[in-house]
Amino acid sequence: MKKDEMTYAQALARLDEIVKRLETGDVNVDELSASVKEGVRLVTWCRKKLRTTQEEVEAALKGLDAEETGHGEPMPPARTSRAAAPEEDDAMVDPFA
């Protein structure tokens, strides 16, 4: 399944599956690197999804506050380009955190 087709819950479930396999030693040496890399990609994707969702919720709430108080115009939707840009902290992701 492609990352853009999965839900946050599906990504967490897959990450949980990977972690359990690594913890139980159910991954052979040939699969170890690929499993860890997939886990890192999933953690990075989940963090970006959470960040984007938080920005969208905050923008919606600010827009609601602006409408209720009559101060200013409602906020435009949050940018999603920030989620697509790599962050410095994403470079050193701990897939088991």
PDB file of N, CA and C in Angstrom:
ATOM      1  N   MET A   1       0.848  -1.184   0.000  1.00  0.00           N
ATOM      2  CA  MET A   1       0.000   0.000   0.000  1.00  0.00           C
ATOM      3  C   MET A   1       0.889   1.240   0.000  1.00  0.00           C
ATOM      4  N   LYS A   2       0.591   2.194  -0.845  1.00  0.00           N
ATOM      5  CA  LYS A   2       1.348   3.432  -0.902  1.00  0.00           C
ATOM      6  C   LYS A   2       1.013   4.290   0.305  1.00  0.00           C
ATOM      7  N   LYS A   3       2.007   5.095   0.756  1.00  0.00           N
ATOM      8  CA  LYS A   3       1.799   5.926   1.926  1.00  0.00           C
ATOM      9  C   LYS A   3       0.667   6.926   1.730  1.00  0.00           C
ATOM     10  N   ASP A   4       0.495   7.454   0.498  1.00  0.00           N
ATOM     11  CA  ASP A   4      -0.558   8.439   0.275  1.00  0.00           C
ATOM     12  C   ASP A   4      -1.946   7.808   0.235  1.00  0.00           C
ATOM     13  N   GLU A   5      -2.024   6.473   0.201  1.00  0.00           N
ATOM     14  CA  GLU A   5      -3.306   5.784   0.203  1.00  0.00           C
ATOM     15  C   GLU A   5      -3.668   5.242   1.577  1.00  0.00           C
ATOM     16  N   MET A   6      -2.737   5.270   2.530  1.00  0.00           N
ATOM     17  CA  MET A   6      -3.006   4.697   3.835  1.00  0.00           C
ATOM     18  C   MET A   6      -3.524   5.752   4.799  1.00  0.00           C
ATOM     19  N   THR A   7      -4.206   5.279   5.813  1.00  0.00           N
ATOM     20  CA  THR A   7      -4.655   6.165   6.873  1.00  0.00           C
ATOM     21  C   THR A   7      -3.605   6.170   7.972  1.00  0.00           C
ATOM     22  N   TYR A   8      -3.753   7.113   8.877  1.00  0.00           N
ATOM     23  CA  TYR A   8      -2.837   7.185  10.011  1.00  0.00           C
ATOM     24  C   TYR A   8      -2.923   5.895  10.830  1.00  0.00           C
ATOM     25  N   ALA A   9      -4.139   5.399  11.041  1.00  0.00           N
ATOM     26  CA  ALA A   9      -4.331   4.167  11.817  1.00  0.00           C
ATOM     27  C   ALA A   9      -3.662   2.975  11.132  1.00  0.00           C
ATOM     28  N   GLN A  10      -3.737   2.910   9.814  1.00  0.00           N
ATOM     29  CA  GLN A  10      -3.092   1.820   9.079  1.00  0.00           C
ATOM     30  C   GLN A  10      -1.574   1.907   9.204  1.00  0.00           C
ATOM     31  N   ALA A  11      -1.045   3.120   9.145  1.00  0.00           N
ATOM     32  CA  ALA A  11       0.404   3.306   9.278  1.00  0.00           C
ATOM     33  C   ALA A  11       0.869   2.870  10.664  1.00  0.00           C
ATOM     34  N   LEU A  12       0.109   3.242  11.699  1.00  0.00           N
ATOM     35  CA  LEU A  12       0.474   2.830  13.055  1.00  0.00           C
ATOM     36  C   LEU A  12       0.391   1.321  13.222  1.00  0.00           C
ATOM     37  N   ALA A  13      -0.623   0.698  12.634  1.00  0.00           N
ATOM     38  CA  ALA A  13      -0.766  -0.755  12.729  1.00  0.00           C
ATOM     39  C   ALA A  13       0.419  -1.454  12.063  1.00  0.00           C
ATOM     40  N   ARG A  14       0.823  -0.962  10.898  1.00  0.00           N
ATOM     41  CA  ARG A  14       1.963  -1.560  10.196  1.00  0.00           C
ATOM     42  C   ARG A  14       3.239  -1.351  10.999  1.00  0.00           C
ATOM     43  N   LEU A  15       3.401  -0.169  11.562  1.00  0.00           N
ATOM     44  CA  LEU A  15       4.582   0.116  12.376  1.00  0.00           C
ATOM     45  C   LEU A  15       4.612  -0.798  13.599  1.00  0.00           C
ATOM     46  N   ASP A  16       3.473  -1.003  14.226  1.00  0.00           N
ATOM     47  CA  ASP A  16       3.383  -1.904  15.375  1.00  0.00           C
ATOM     48  C   ASP A  16       3.779  -3.324  14.974  1.00  0.00           C
ATOM     49  N   GLU A  17       3.337  -3.747  13.807  1.00  0.00           N
ATOM     50  CA  GLU A  17       3.688  -5.086  13.300  1.00  0.00           C
ATOM     51  C   GLU A  17       5.198  -5.223  13.119  1.00  0.00           C
ATOM     52  N   ILE A  18       5.809  -4.210  12.541  1.00  0.00           N
ATOM     53  CA  ILE A  18       7.259  -4.228  12.316  1.00  0.00           C
ATOM     54  C   ILE A  18       8.005  -4.281  13.645  1.00  0.00           C
ATOM     55  N   VAL A  19       7.596  -3.439  14.588  1.00  0.00           N
ATOM     56  CA  VAL A  19       8.260  -3.399  15.889  1.00  0.00           C
ATOM     57  C   VAL A  19       8.150  -4.743  16.595  1.00  0.00           C
ATOM     58  N   LYS A  20       6.962  -5.354  16.567  1.00  0.00           N
ATOM     59  CA  LYS A  20       6.784  -6.660  17.212  1.00  0.00           C
ATOM     60  C   LYS A  20       7.689  -7.718  16.583  1.00  0.00           C
ATOM     61  N   ARG A  21       7.796  -7.701  15.252  1.00  0.00           N
ATOM     62  CA  ARG A  21       8.669  -8.670  14.572  1.00  0.00           C
ATOM     63  C   ARG A  21      10.123  -8.447  14.964  1.00  0.00           C
ATOM     64  N   LEU A  22      10.535  -7.199  15.078  1.00  0.00           N
ATOM     65  CA  LEU A  22      11.914  -6.901  15.464  1.00  0.00           C
ATOM     66  C   LEU A  22      12.170  -7.301  16.915  1.00  0.00           C
ATOM     67  N   GLU A  23      11.214  -7.036  17.798  1.00  0.00           N
ATOM     68  CA  GLU A  23      11.378  -7.368  19.208  1.00  0.00           C
ATOM     69  C   GLU A  23      11.437  -8.876  19.458  1.00  0.00           C
ATOM     70  N   THR A  24      10.685  -9.629  18.675  1.00  0.00           N
ATOM     71  CA  THR A  24      10.657 -11.082  18.875  1.00  0.00           C
ATOM     72  C   THR A  24      11.762 -11.797  18.112  1.00  0.00           C
ATOM     73  N   GLY A  25      12.497 -11.056  17.293  1.00  0.00           N
ATOM     74  CA  GLY A  25      13.558 -11.660  16.509  1.00  0.00           C
ATOM     75  C   GLY A  25      13.035 -12.441  15.322  1.00  0.00           C
ATOM     76  N   ASP A  26      11.814 -12.121  14.899  1.00  0.00           N
ATOM     77  CA  ASP A  26      11.160 -12.824  13.792  1.00  0.00           C
ATOM     78  C   ASP A  26      11.563 -12.257  12.427  1.00  0.00           C
ATOM     79  N   VAL A  27      12.653 -11.508  12.382  1.00  0.00           N
ATOM     80  CA  VAL A  27      13.150 -10.927  11.135  1.00  0.00           C
ATOM     81  C   VAL A  27      14.550 -11.470  10.910  1.00  0.00           C
ATOM     82  N   ASN A  28      14.758 -12.076   9.757  1.00  0.00           N
ATOM     83  CA  ASN A  28      16.106 -12.588   9.490  1.00  0.00           C
ATOM     84  C   ASN A  28      17.006 -11.445   9.022  1.00  0.00           C
ATOM     85  N   VAL A  29      18.266 -11.699   8.962  1.00  0.00           N
ATOM     86  CA  VAL A  29      19.247 -10.673   8.614  1.00  0.00           C
ATOM     87  C   VAL A  29      18.965 -10.060   7.249  1.00  0.00           C
ATOM     88  N   ASP A  30      18.479 -10.861   6.326  1.00  0.00           N
ATOM     89  CA  ASP A  30      18.198 -10.356   4.985  1.00  0.00           C
ATOM     90  C   ASP A  30      17.046  -9.350   4.976  1.00  0.00           C
ATOM     91  N   GLU A  31      16.136  -9.447   5.937  1.00  0.00           N
ATOM     92  CA  GLU A  31      14.975  -8.554   5.997  1.00  0.00           C
ATOM     93  C   GLU A  31      15.177  -7.392   6.973  1.00  0.00           C
ATOM     94  N   LEU A  32      16.180  -7.473   7.833  1.00  0.00           N
ATOM     95  CA  LEU A  32      16.347  -6.508   8.911  1.00  0.00           C
ATOM     96  C   LEU A  32      16.445  -5.069   8.411  1.00  0.00           C
ATOM     97  N   SER A  33      17.340  -4.810   7.488  1.00  0.00           N
ATOM     98  CA  SER A  33      17.541  -3.447   6.993  1.00  0.00           C
ATOM     99  C   SER A  33      16.270  -2.890   6.364  1.00  0.00           C
ATOM    100  N   ALA A  34      15.605  -3.676   5.533  1.00  0.00           N
ATOM    101  CA  ALA A  34      14.381  -3.214   4.877  1.00  0.00           C
ATOM    102  C   ALA A  34      13.282  -2.926   5.896  1.00  0.00           C
ATOM    103  N   SER A  35      13.189  -3.766   6.930  1.00  0.00           N
ATOM    104  CA  SER A  35      12.170  -3.564   7.961  1.00  0.00           C
ATOM    105  C   SER A  35      12.421  -2.280   8.743  1.00  0.00           C
ATOM    106  N   VAL A  36      13.669  -2.041   9.115  1.00  0.00           N
ATOM    107  CA  VAL A  36      14.001  -0.826   9.856  1.00  0.00           C
ATOM    108  C   VAL A  36      13.757   0.404   8.989  1.00  0.00           C
ATOM    109  N   LYS A  37      14.149   0.356   7.727  1.00  0.00           N
ATOM    110  CA  LYS A  37      13.927   1.493   6.829  1.00  0.00           C
ATOM    111  C   LYS A  37      12.437   1.777   6.649  1.00  0.00           C
ATOM    112  N   GLU A  38      11.634   0.725   6.510  1.00  0.00           N
ATOM    113  CA  GLU A  38      10.188   0.920   6.384  1.00  0.00           C
ATOM    114  C   GLU A  38       9.635   1.550   7.662  1.00  0.00           C
ATOM    115  N   GLY A  39      10.106   1.088   8.805  1.00  0.00           N
ATOM    116  CA  GLY A  39       9.665   1.662  10.072  1.00  0.00           C
ATOM    117  C   GLY A  39      10.001   3.136  10.178  1.00  0.00           C
ATOM    118  N   VAL A  40      11.193   3.506   9.774  1.00  0.00           N
ATOM    119  CA  VAL A  40      11.608   4.911   9.804  1.00  0.00           C
ATOM    120  C   VAL A  40      10.730   5.743   8.879  1.00  0.00           C
ATOM    121  N   ARG A  41      10.455   5.234   7.675  1.00  0.00           N
ATOM    122  CA  ARG A  41       9.576   5.962   6.744  1.00  0.00           C
ATOM    123  C   ARG A  41       8.179   6.146   7.333  1.00  0.00           C
ATOM    124  N   LEU A  42       7.670   5.123   7.985  1.00  0.00           N
ATOM    125  CA  LEU A  42       6.336   5.219   8.588  1.00  0.00           C
ATOM    126  C   LEU A  42       6.305   6.230   9.731  1.00  0.00           C
ATOM    127  N   VAL A  43       7.326   6.230  10.582  1.00  0.00           N
ATOM    128  CA  VAL A  43       7.388   7.203  11.677  1.00  0.00           C
ATOM    129  C   VAL A  43       7.444   8.615  11.110  1.00  0.00           C
ATOM    130  N   THR A  44       8.264   8.823  10.110  1.00  0.00           N
ATOM    131  CA  THR A  44       8.385  10.144   9.485  1.00  0.00           C
ATOM    132  C   THR A  44       7.050  10.578   8.894  1.00  0.00           C
ATOM    133  N   TRP A  45       6.380   9.671   8.181  1.00  0.00           N
ATOM    134  CA  TRP A  45       5.083   9.979   7.568  1.00  0.00           C
ATOM    135  C   TRP A  45       4.053  10.324   8.645  1.00  0.00           C
ATOM    136  N   CYS A  46       4.022   9.549   9.734  1.00  0.00           N
ATOM    137  CA  CYS A  46       3.062   9.798  10.813  1.00  0.00           C
ATOM    138  C   CYS A  46       3.311  11.152  11.466  1.00  0.00           C
ATOM    139  N   ARG A  47       4.564  11.485  11.705  1.00  0.00           N
ATOM    140  CA  ARG A  47       4.890  12.793  12.306  1.00  0.00           C
ATOM    141  C   ARG A  47       4.417  13.932  11.411  1.00  0.00           C
ATOM    142  N   LYS A  48       4.655  13.803  10.113  1.00  0.00           N
ATOM    143  CA  LYS A  48       4.230  14.848   9.186  1.00  0.00           C
ATOM    144  C   LYS A  48       2.706  14.940   9.123  1.00  0.00           C
ATOM    145  N   LYS A  49       2.048  13.802   9.155  1.00  0.00           N
ATOM    146  CA  LYS A  49       0.584  13.775   9.144  1.00  0.00           C
ATOM    147  C   LYS A  49       0.034  14.478  10.386  1.00  0.00           C
ATOM    148  N   LEU A  50       0.608  14.194  11.546  1.00  0.00           N
ATOM    149  CA  LEU A  50       0.174  14.841  12.784  1.00  0.00           C
ATOM    150  C   LEU A  50       0.410  16.349  12.730  1.00  0.00           C
ATOM    151  N   ARG A  51       1.572  16.753  12.236  1.00  0.00           N
ATOM    152  CA  ARG A  51       1.902  18.178  12.152  1.00  0.00           C
ATOM    153  C   ARG A  51       0.935  18.902  11.220  1.00  0.00           C
ATOM    154  N   THR A  52       0.664  18.315  10.067  1.00  0.00           N
ATOM    155  CA  THR A  52      -0.250  18.921   9.105  1.00  0.00           C
ATOM    156  C   THR A  52      -1.659  19.016   9.683  1.00  0.00           C
ATOM    157  N   THR A  53      -2.105  17.962  10.321  1.00  0.00           N
ATOM    158  CA  THR A  53      -3.433  17.956  10.922  1.00  0.00           C
ATOM    159  C   THR A  53      -3.536  19.014  12.010  1.00  0.00           C
ATOM    160  N   GLN A  54      -2.509  19.127  12.839  1.00  0.00           N
ATOM    161  CA  GLN A  54      -2.508  20.143  13.893  1.00  0.00           C
ATOM    162  C   GLN A  54      -2.604  21.543  13.287  1.00  0.00           C
ATOM    163  N   GLU A  55      -1.846  21.816  12.239  1.00  0.00           N
ATOM    164  CA  GLU A  55      -1.892  23.131  11.596  1.00  0.00           C
ATOM    165  C   GLU A  55      -3.278  23.422  11.025  1.00  0.00           C
ATOM    166  N   GLU A  56      -3.894  22.409  10.412  1.00  0.00           N
ATOM    167  CA  GLU A  56      -5.220  22.596   9.828  1.00  0.00           C
ATOM    168  C   GLU A  56      -6.269  22.860  10.907  1.00  0.00           C
ATOM    169  N   VAL A  57      -6.193  22.139  12.016  1.00  0.00           N
ATOM    170  CA  VAL A  57      -7.136  22.340  13.117  1.00  0.00           C
ATOM    171  C   VAL A  57      -6.948  23.730  13.723  1.00  0.00           C
ATOM    172  N   GLU A  58      -5.710  24.128  13.957  1.00  0.00           N
ATOM    173  CA  GLU A  58      -5.440  25.447  14.526  1.00  0.00           C
ATOM    174  C   GLU A  58      -5.942  26.553  13.599  1.00  0.00           C
ATOM    175  N   ALA A  59      -5.737  26.409  12.304  1.00  0.00           N
ATOM    176  CA  ALA A  59      -6.214  27.409  11.352  1.00  0.00           C
ATOM    177  C   ALA A  59      -7.737  27.476  11.351  1.00  0.00           C
ATOM    178  N   ALA A  60      -8.393  26.339  11.417  1.00  0.00           N
ATOM    179  CA  ALA A  60      -9.853  26.315  11.445  1.00  0.00           C
ATOM    180  C   ALA A  60     -10.375  26.994  12.706  1.00  0.00           C
ATOM    181  N   LEU A  61      -9.743  26.716  13.844  1.00  0.00           N
ATOM    182  CA  LEU A  61     -10.178  27.336  15.094  1.00  0.00           C
ATOM    183  C   LEU A  61      -9.929  28.835  15.101  1.00  0.00           C
ATOM    184  N   LYS A  62      -8.819  29.278  14.542  1.00  0.00           N
ATOM    185  CA  LYS A  62      -8.547  30.711  14.454  1.00  0.00           C
ATOM    186  C   LYS A  62      -9.579  31.386  13.562  1.00  0.00           C
ATOM    187  N   GLY A  63      -9.939  30.728  12.465  1.00  0.00           N
ATOM    188  CA  GLY A  63     -10.959  31.269  11.571  1.00  0.00           C
ATOM    189  C   GLY A  63     -12.294  31.370  12.275  1.00  0.00           C
ATOM    190  N   LEU A  64     -12.628  30.386  13.079  1.00  0.00           N
ATOM    191  CA  LEU A  64     -13.873  30.401  13.839  1.00  0.00           C
ATOM    192  C   LEU A  64     -13.860  31.540  14.844  1.00  0.00           C
ATOM    193  N   ASP A  65     -12.753  31.702  15.554  1.00  0.00           N
ATOM    194  CA  ASP A  65     -12.635  32.805  16.525  1.00  0.00           C
ATOM    195  C   ASP A  65     -12.777  34.149  15.834  1.00  0.00           C
ATOM    196  N   ALA A  66     -12.169  34.307  14.661  1.00  0.00           N
ATOM    197  CA  ALA A  66     -12.245  35.570  13.928  1.00  0.00           C
ATOM    198  C   ALA A  66     -13.680  35.860  13.507  1.00  0.00           C
ATOM    199  N   GLU A  67     -14.412  34.844  13.086  1.00  0.00           N
ATOM    200  CA  GLU A  67     -15.805  35.039  12.681  1.00  0.00           C
ATOM    201  C   GLU A  67     -16.677  35.403  13.879  1.00  0.00           C
ATOM    202  N   GLU A  68     -16.464  34.753  15.012  1.00  0.00           N
ATOM    203  CA  GLU A  68     -17.282  34.995  16.198  1.00  0.00           C
ATOM    204  C   GLU A  68     -17.047  36.371  16.797  1.00  0.00           C
ATOM    205  N   THR A  69     -15.807  36.837  16.792  1.00  0.00           N
ATOM    206  CA  THR A  69     -15.490  38.127  17.394  1.00  0.00           C
ATOM    207  C   THR A  69     -15.625  39.267  16.406  1.00  0.00           C
ATOM    208  N   GLY A  70     -15.674  38.956  15.121  1.00  0.00           N
ATOM    209  CA  GLY A  70     -15.765  39.999  14.106  1.00  0.00           C
ATOM    210  C   GLY A  70     -14.468  40.731  13.896  1.00  0.00           C
ATOM    211  N   HIS A  71     -13.382  40.203  14.440  1.00  0.00           N
ATOM    212  CA  HIS A  71     -12.060  40.824  14.274  1.00  0.00           C
ATOM    213  C   HIS A  71     -11.321  40.152  13.137  1.00  0.00           C
ATOM    214  N   GLY A  72     -11.196  40.854  12.062  1.00  0.00           N
ATOM    215  CA  GLY A  72     -10.409  40.331  10.951  1.00  0.00           C
ATOM    216  C   GLY A  72     -11.149  39.299  10.129  1.00  0.00           C
ATOM    217  N   GLU A  73     -10.459  38.846   9.135  1.00  0.00           N
ATOM    218  CA  GLU A  73     -10.992  37.845   8.223  1.00  0.00           C
ATOM    219  C   GLU A  73     -10.661  36.454   8.732  1.00  0.00           C
ATOM    220  N   PRO A  74     -11.477  35.487   8.381  1.00  0.00           N
ATOM    221  CA  PRO A  74     -11.138  34.105   8.757  1.00  0.00           C
ATOM    222  C   PRO A  74      -9.793  33.707   8.163  1.00  0.00           C
ATOM    223  N   MET A  75      -9.087  32.868   8.874  1.00  0.00           N
ATOM    224  CA  MET A  75      -7.788  32.397   8.425  1.00  0.00           C
ATOM    225  C   MET A  75      -7.950  31.473   7.230  1.00  0.00           C
ATOM    226  N   PRO A  76      -7.058  31.596   6.251  1.00  0.00           N
ATOM    227  CA  PRO A  76      -7.101  30.652   5.129  1.00  0.00           C
ATOM    228  C   PRO A  76      -6.668  29.277   5.606  1.00  0.00           C
ATOM    229  N   PRO A  77      -6.977  28.238   4.828  1.00  0.00           N
ATOM    230  CA  PRO A  77      -6.544  26.884   5.215  1.00  0.00           C
ATOM    231  C   PRO A  77      -5.034  26.832   5.390  1.00  0.00           C
ATOM    232  N   ALA A  78      -4.597  25.969   6.281  1.00  0.00           N
ATOM    233  CA  ALA A  78      -3.163  25.816   6.556  1.00  0.00           C
ATOM    234  C   ALA A  78      -2.435  25.305   5.327  1.00  0.00           C
ATOM    235  N   ARG A  79      -1.193  25.749   5.188  1.00  0.00           N
ATOM    236  CA  ARG A  79      -0.359  25.247   4.104  1.00  0.00           C
ATOM    237  C   ARG A  79      -0.033  23.792   4.367  1.00  0.00           C
ATOM    238  N   THR A  80      -0.033  22.999   3.327  1.00  0.00           N
ATOM    239  CA  THR A  80       0.377  21.606   3.489  1.00  0.00           C
ATOM    240  C   THR A  80       1.781  21.395   2.970  1.00  0.00           C
ATOM    241  N   SER A  81       2.379  22.430   2.373  1.00  0.00           N
ATOM    242  CA  SER A  81       3.725  22.266   1.831  1.00  0.00           C
ATOM    243  C   SER A  81       4.747  22.043   2.933  1.00  0.00           C
ATOM    244  N   ARG A  82       4.488  22.542   4.141  1.00  0.00           N
ATOM    245  CA  ARG A  82       5.432  22.336   5.233  1.00  0.00           C
ATOM    246  C   ARG A  82       5.582  20.852   5.545  1.00  0.00           C
ATOM    247  N   ALA A  83       4.485  20.118   5.459  1.00  0.00           N
ATOM    248  CA  ALA A  83       4.547  18.685   5.749  1.00  0.00           C
ATOM    249  C   ALA A  83       5.370  17.943   4.713  1.00  0.00           C
ATOM    250  N   ALA A  84       5.432  18.474   3.500  1.00  0.00           N
ATOM    251  CA  ALA A  84       6.170  17.792   2.446  1.00  0.00           C
ATOM    252  C   ALA A  84       7.662  18.067   2.547  1.00  0.00           C
ATOM    253  N   ALA A  85       8.038  19.185   3.199  1.00  0.00           N
ATOM    254  CA  ALA A  85       9.445  19.538   3.312  1.00  0.00           C
ATOM    255  C   ALA A  85      10.075  18.785   4.469  1.00  0.00           C
ATOM    256  N   PRO A  86      11.252  18.216   4.271  1.00  0.00           N
ATOM    257  CA  PRO A  86      11.892  17.487   5.364  1.00  0.00           C
ATOM    258  C   PRO A  86      12.323  18.436   6.474  1.00  0.00           C
ATOM    259  N   GLU A  87      12.165  18.024   7.686  1.00  0.00           N
ATOM    260  CA  GLU A  87      12.577  18.782   8.848  1.00  0.00           C
ATOM    261  C   GLU A  87      13.916  18.245   9.312  1.00  0.00           C
ATOM    262  N   GLU A  88      14.661  19.091  10.015  1.00  0.00           N
ATOM    263  CA  GLU A  88      15.953  18.642  10.533  1.00  0.00           C
ATOM    264  C   GLU A  88      15.785  17.459  11.471  1.00  0.00           C
ATOM    265  N   ASP A  89      14.734  17.503  12.316  1.00  0.00           N
ATOM    266  CA  ASP A  89      14.558  16.420  13.277  1.00  0.00           C
ATOM    267  C   ASP A  89      14.109  15.122  12.623  1.00  0.00           C
ATOM    268  N   ASP A  90      13.630  15.161  11.386  1.00  0.00           N
ATOM    269  CA  ASP A  90      13.205  13.954  10.685  1.00  0.00           C
ATOM    270  C   ASP A  90      14.397  13.126  10.218  1.00  0.00           C
ATOM    271  N   ALA A  91      15.569  13.737  10.141  1.00  0.00           N
ATOM    272  CA  ALA A  91      16.727  13.015   9.643  1.00  0.00           C
ATOM    273  C   ALA A  91      17.186  11.936  10.624  1.00  0.00           C
ATOM    274  N   MET A  92      16.946  12.127  11.893  1.00  0.00           N
ATOM    275  CA  MET A  92      17.390  11.184  12.902  1.00  0.00           C
ATOM    276  C   MET A  92      16.170  10.604  13.630  1.00  0.00           C
ATOM    277  N   VAL A  93      15.310   9.948  12.915  1.00  0.00           N
ATOM    278  CA  VAL A  93      14.085   9.399  13.483  1.00  0.00           C
ATOM    279  C   VAL A  93      14.373   8.085  14.179  1.00  0.00           C
ATOM    280  N   ASP A  94      13.888   7.951  15.401  1.00  0.00           N
ATOM    281  CA  ASP A  94      13.988   6.706  16.149  1.00  0.00           C
ATOM    282  C   ASP A  94      12.684   5.953  15.949  1.00  0.00           C
ATOM    283  N   PRO A  95      12.679   4.857  15.166  1.00  0.00           N
ATOM    284  CA  PRO A  95      11.434   4.174  14.870  1.00  0.00           C
ATOM    285  C   PRO A  95      10.819   3.485  16.072  1.00  0.00           C
ATOM    286  N   PHE A  96      11.508   3.451  17.187  1.00  0.00           N
ATOM    287  CA  PHE A  96      10.992   2.773  18.360  1.00  0.00           C
ATOM    288  C   PHE A  96      10.570   3.743  19.444  1.00  0.00           C
ATOM    289  N   ALA A  97      10.589   5.044  19.142  1.00  0.00           N
ATOM    290  CA  ALA A  97      10.210   6.073  20.141  1.00  0.00           C
ATOM    291  C   ALA A  97       8.718   6.122  20.301  1.00  0.00           C
TER     292      ALA A  97
END
